[in-house]
Amino acid sequence: MSRVLDVNGVTGGYGSVQILNGVDLYVDEGELVTVIGPNGCGKSTFMKVLFGIADRYEGTFIHRGVDVSSWRTDKLVKRGIAYVPQVDNVFPSLTVYENLQMGGLNMSSGVLKKRIDQACEMFPEMQLRMSDLAASLSGGERQMLAISRALISDPTFLLLDEPTAALSPKYQQDIIGRINELRKQGITVLIIEQNAKLSLARSDRGYIFVGGKVAHAAPATDLLNDPDIGAYFLGTR
């Protein structure tokens, strides 16, 4: 199995405010890997540092054998990495179709149409809402739109920050199920989730962040079945 991402000793944060304190993790080809942990432990910051929108101080991100630690966001997208943030992930004043177009601004009209059609195969609900403003969508539909737009760039590695946050249980199950289906399209997924039980149930492996670094790593089934970890992170007791 080939290595998609190797993270080695990454520290980072926002200006002089350090959040990450030496993160080490990896993601292999075709995996769905979940990062969990208490609020404020650096999960979202880690993903922002990885995608070049927060500050990295030390350490490296190796993507498919290439050091991309200092790469700009646009270059990471061209390399096949896409990121869906937790909030502000759609343009509410634009229609669904215009939002999808924003995912492929530099593409020819033919390629863009093909990519939009492919995204709508995964999220057919979007096909029915093309002329509607994104502001009119439910929370679950907005997440579907945000992920659909990320797919326009034809990524092979997808970064998702809290995709089920504030959604109903039905939409949470639906979104996680769709994310799991993306692996059949050859997309490797790294996901941050507060609903740890839901995401780990679909994952290959999991990491627990505490204090800006990895406190524990294990196969997802081990994390789900460990009573000590479950009591603190998963609310099973």
Protein backbone atom coordinates (compact mmCIF):
# COMPACT_ATOMS: atom_id res chain seq x y z
CA MET A 1 0.00 0.00 0.00
CA SER A 2 1.48 3.35 -1.03
CA ARG A 3 1.77 6.29 1.32
CA VAL A 4 -0.35 9.33 0.45
CA LEU A 5 0.65 11.55 3.36
CA ASP A 6 3.48 11.49 5.89
CA VAL A 7 3.42 14.16 8.60
CA ASN A 8 6.60 14.51 10.60
CA GLY A 9 7.04 16.73 13.66
CA VAL A 10 4.76 19.52 12.48
CA THR A 11 4.39 22.56 14.71
CA GLY A 12 2.27 25.53 13.75
CA GLY A 13 -0.50 27.95 14.54
CA TYR A 14 -1.46 31.54 13.84
CA GLY A 15 1.36 34.05 13.90
CA SER A 16 2.96 33.90 17.33
CA VAL A 17 0.19 31.69 18.76
CA GLN A 18 1.41 28.11 18.59
CA ILE A 19 -1.31 25.43 18.50
CA LEU A 20 0.42 22.34 17.09
CA ASN A 21 3.23 20.83 19.14
CA GLY A 22 4.79 18.16 16.97
CA VAL A 23 2.22 16.21 14.97
CA ASP A 24 3.17 12.85 13.45
CA LEU A 25 0.70 10.82 11.39
CA TYR A 26 0.28 9.10 8.05
CA VAL A 27 -2.44 8.21 5.56
CA ASP A 28 -2.16 5.33 3.08
CA GLU A 29 -3.71 4.99 -0.36
CA GLY A 30 -7.45 4.33 -0.26
CA GLU A 31 -7.83 4.86 3.47
CA LEU A 32 -10.43 6.82 5.37
CA VAL A 33 -8.64 8.16 8.45
CA THR A 34 -10.43 10.03 11.24
CA VAL A 35 -8.90 12.56 13.65
CA ILE A 36 -10.77 13.05 16.92
CA GLY A 37 -10.13 14.84 20.17
CA PRO A 38 -11.54 17.45 22.57
CA ASN A 39 -12.35 20.98 21.48
CA GLY A 40 -9.31 23.21 21.20
CA CYS A 41 -6.83 20.38 20.74
CA GLY A 42 -5.62 21.60 17.32
CA LYS A 43 -7.55 19.36 14.92
CA SER A 44 -8.83 22.10 12.62
CA THR A 45 -5.60 24.05 12.89
CA PHE A 46 -3.70 20.97 11.73
CA MET A 47 -5.79 20.74 8.58
CA LYS A 48 -5.39 24.47 7.89
CA VAL A 49 -1.62 24.21 8.29
CA LEU A 50 -1.59 21.21 5.96
CA PHE A 51 -3.56 23.13 3.33
CA GLY A 52 -1.40 26.23 3.59
CA ILE A 53 -3.88 28.58 5.26
CA ALA A 54 -2.31 28.62 8.73
CA ASP A 55 1.34 28.94 9.72
CA ARG A 56 3.75 26.01 9.82
CA TYR A 57 6.81 26.58 11.99
CA GLU A 58 8.64 23.26 11.77
CA GLY A 59 8.18 19.76 10.42
CA THR A 60 7.18 18.38 7.04
CA PHE A 61 4.18 17.27 5.00
CA ILE A 62 5.19 14.64 2.46
CA HIS A 63 2.53 13.95 -0.19
CA ARG A 64 3.21 10.88 -2.32
CA GLY A 65 6.93 11.19 -1.71
CA VAL A 66 7.14 14.95 -2.39
CA ASP A 67 7.71 17.57 0.30
CA VAL A 68 4.75 19.96 -0.05
CA SER A 69 5.26 21.68 3.31
CA SER A 70 5.66 25.17 1.85
CA TRP A 71 3.38 24.86 -1.16
CA ARG A 72 0.66 27.42 -1.85
CA THR A 73 -2.95 26.31 -1.67
CA ASP A 74 -3.51 26.60 -5.43
CA LYS A 75 -0.53 24.36 -6.10
CA LEU A 76 -1.82 21.78 -3.62
CA VAL A 77 -5.16 21.75 -5.45
CA LYS A 78 -3.42 21.14 -8.77
CA ARG A 79 -1.58 18.25 -7.13
CA GLY A 80 -4.91 16.61 -6.30
CA ILE A 81 -5.53 17.74 -2.73
CA ALA A 82 -8.91 19.31 -1.85
CA TYR A 83 -10.07 20.80 1.44
CA VAL A 84 -13.59 21.41 2.74
CA PRO A 85 -13.62 23.68 5.83
CA GLN A 86 -16.18 23.36 8.58
CA VAL A 87 -17.73 26.82 8.12
CA ASP A 88 -18.03 29.34 5.29
CA ASN A 89 -17.70 26.50 2.80
CA VAL A 90 -20.29 27.74 0.27
CA PHE A 91 -21.11 31.10 -1.29
CA PRO A 92 -24.66 31.73 -0.01
CA SER A 93 -25.43 34.55 -2.47
CA LEU A 94 -24.62 32.34 -5.48
CA THR A 95 -26.74 29.57 -6.94
CA VAL A 96 -25.82 25.94 -6.50
CA TYR A 97 -24.61 25.84 -10.11
CA GLU A 98 -22.50 28.97 -9.64
CA ASN A 99 -20.96 27.46 -6.52
CA LEU A 100 -19.99 24.37 -8.49
CA GLN A 101 -18.53 26.57 -11.24
CA MET A 102 -16.32 28.22 -8.60
CA GLY A 103 -14.66 24.84 -8.13
CA GLY A 104 -13.32 24.93 -11.68
CA LEU A 105 -12.67 28.54 -12.62
CA ASN A 106 -9.73 27.75 -14.89
CA MET A 107 -11.29 24.75 -16.63
CA SER A 108 -12.68 24.64 -20.12
CA SER A 109 -16.47 24.60 -20.28
CA GLY A 110 -16.43 20.99 -21.50
CA VAL A 111 -14.25 19.72 -18.68
CA LEU A 112 -16.20 21.73 -16.10
CA LYS A 113 -19.52 20.32 -17.30
CA LYS A 114 -18.14 16.79 -17.08
CA ARG A 115 -16.86 17.37 -13.55
CA ILE A 116 -20.17 18.88 -12.42
CA ASP A 117 -22.03 15.90 -13.88
CA GLN A 118 -19.70 13.53 -12.01
CA ALA A 119 -20.19 15.41 -8.73
CA CYS A 120 -23.95 15.23 -9.18
CA GLU A 121 -23.74 11.47 -9.62
CA MET A 122 -22.41 11.29 -6.06
CA PHE A 123 -24.81 13.97 -4.77
CA PRO A 124 -27.88 13.84 -7.04
CA GLU A 125 -29.74 16.23 -4.75
CA MET A 126 -27.62 19.02 -6.22
CA GLN A 127 -28.99 18.37 -9.70
CA LEU A 128 -32.46 19.31 -8.45
CA ARG A 129 -31.29 22.57 -6.85
CA MET A 130 -29.01 24.02 -9.52
CA SER A 131 -30.86 27.34 -9.86
CA ASP A 132 -31.50 27.78 -6.12
CA LEU A 133 -29.39 30.08 -3.99
CA ALA A 134 -27.02 28.24 -1.67
CA ALA A 135 -28.51 30.32 1.16
CA SER A 136 -31.77 28.40 0.71
CA LEU A 137 -30.17 25.00 1.32
CA SER A 138 -30.44 23.07 4.56
CA GLY A 139 -27.30 22.40 6.58
CA GLY A 140 -26.96 18.92 5.14
CA GLU A 141 -27.46 20.17 1.59
CA ARG A 142 -24.82 22.84 2.10
CA GLN A 143 -22.33 20.18 3.15
CA MET A 144 -23.21 18.15 0.06
CA LEU A 145 -22.65 21.26 -2.07
CA ALA A 146 -19.32 22.03 -0.37
CA ILE A 147 -18.06 18.49 -0.95
CA SER A 148 -19.42 18.50 -4.51
CA ARG A 149 -17.53 21.70 -5.27
CA ALA A 150 -14.33 20.18 -3.87
CA LEU A 151 -14.80 17.21 -6.22
CA ILE A 152 -14.80 19.52 -9.26
CA SER A 153 -11.00 19.72 -9.05
CA ASP A 154 -10.89 15.89 -9.39
CA PRO A 155 -8.93 15.32 -6.17
CA THR A 156 -7.28 12.08 -5.15
CA PHE A 157 -6.89 13.22 -1.53
CA LEU A 158 -9.77 14.91 0.30
CA LEU A 159 -9.47 16.81 3.59
CA LEU A 160 -12.76 17.28 5.49
CA ASP A 161 -13.15 19.38 8.63
CA GLU A 162 -16.22 18.48 10.71
CA PRO A 163 -18.54 17.65 7.76
CA THR A 164 -21.42 16.56 10.04
CA ALA A 165 -21.25 19.45 12.52
CA ALA A 166 -24.70 20.78 13.52
CA LEU A 167 -26.51 18.36 11.20
CA SER A 168 -29.47 16.15 12.08
CA PRO A 169 -28.70 12.48 12.81
CA LYS A 170 -30.17 11.53 9.42
CA TYR A 171 -27.91 13.92 7.53
CA GLN A 172 -24.92 12.89 9.63
CA GLN A 173 -25.38 9.26 8.60
CA ASP A 174 -25.99 10.29 5.00
CA ILE A 175 -22.92 12.52 4.71
CA ILE A 176 -20.57 9.97 6.29
CA GLY A 177 -21.97 7.27 4.02
CA ARG A 178 -21.37 9.40 0.92
CA ILE A 179 -17.84 10.18 2.08
CA ASN A 180 -17.16 6.48 2.49
CA GLU A 181 -18.43 5.91 -1.06
CA LEU A 182 -15.82 8.33 -2.41
CA ARG A 183 -13.16 5.70 -1.78
CA LYS A 184 -14.69 3.63 -4.57
CA GLN A 185 -13.75 6.51 -6.88
CA GLY A 186 -10.12 6.27 -5.78
CA ILE A 187 -10.22 9.16 -3.31
CA THR A 188 -8.28 8.89 -0.06
CA VAL A 189 -9.93 10.77 2.82
CA LEU A 190 -8.65 12.44 5.99
CA ILE A 191 -11.53 13.63 8.15
CA ILE A 192 -11.85 15.57 11.39
CA GLU A 193 -15.01 14.64 13.26
CA GLN A 194 -16.69 15.44 16.56
CA ASN A 195 -19.10 12.55 16.01
CA ALA A 196 -16.29 10.09 16.59
CA LYS A 197 -18.38 6.93 16.79
CA LEU A 198 -20.08 7.64 13.46
CA SER A 199 -16.87 8.40 11.58
CA LEU A 200 -14.68 5.72 13.16
CA ALA A 201 -17.27 3.08 12.25
CA ARG A 202 -16.45 3.78 8.58
CA SER A 203 -12.73 4.43 9.02
CA ASP A 204 -9.61 2.33 8.69
CA ARG A 205 -7.62 4.09 11.40
CA GLY A 206 -7.98 6.91 13.89
CA TYR A 207 -5.83 9.49 15.65
CA ILE A 208 -6.60 11.23 18.93
CA PHE A 209 -5.27 14.76 19.30
CA VAL A 210 -4.62 16.22 22.75
CA GLY A 211 -2.72 19.44 23.35
CA GLY A 212 -1.81 19.98 19.73
CA LYS A 213 -0.28 16.58 19.06
CA VAL A 214 -1.17 12.94 18.59
CA ALA A 215 -1.88 11.30 21.95
CA HIS A 216 -2.97 7.94 20.56
CA ALA A 217 -3.24 6.17 17.19
CA ALA A 218 -4.86 2.83 16.43
CA PRO A 219 -7.09 0.95 14.00
CA ALA A 220 -10.57 2.48 14.09
CA THR A 221 -12.16 -0.69 15.49
CA ASP A 222 -9.70 -0.68 18.39
CA LEU A 223 -10.60 2.91 19.25
CA LEU A 224 -14.30 2.13 19.11
CA ASN A 225 -13.93 -0.89 21.38
CA ASP A 226 -11.48 0.54 23.90
CA PRO A 227 -13.53 1.37 27.02
CA ASP A 228 -11.00 3.84 28.39
CA ILE A 229 -10.79 5.84 25.20
CA GLY A 230 -14.51 5.51 24.66
CA ALA A 231 -15.36 6.93 28.04
CA TYR A 232 -13.47 10.15 27.36
CA PHE A 233 -13.78 10.77 23.64
CA LEU A 234 -16.78 8.83 22.41
CA GLY A 235 -19.30 9.22 25.21
CA THR A 236 -19.90 5.48 25.50
CA ARG A 237 -20.10 5.57 29.28
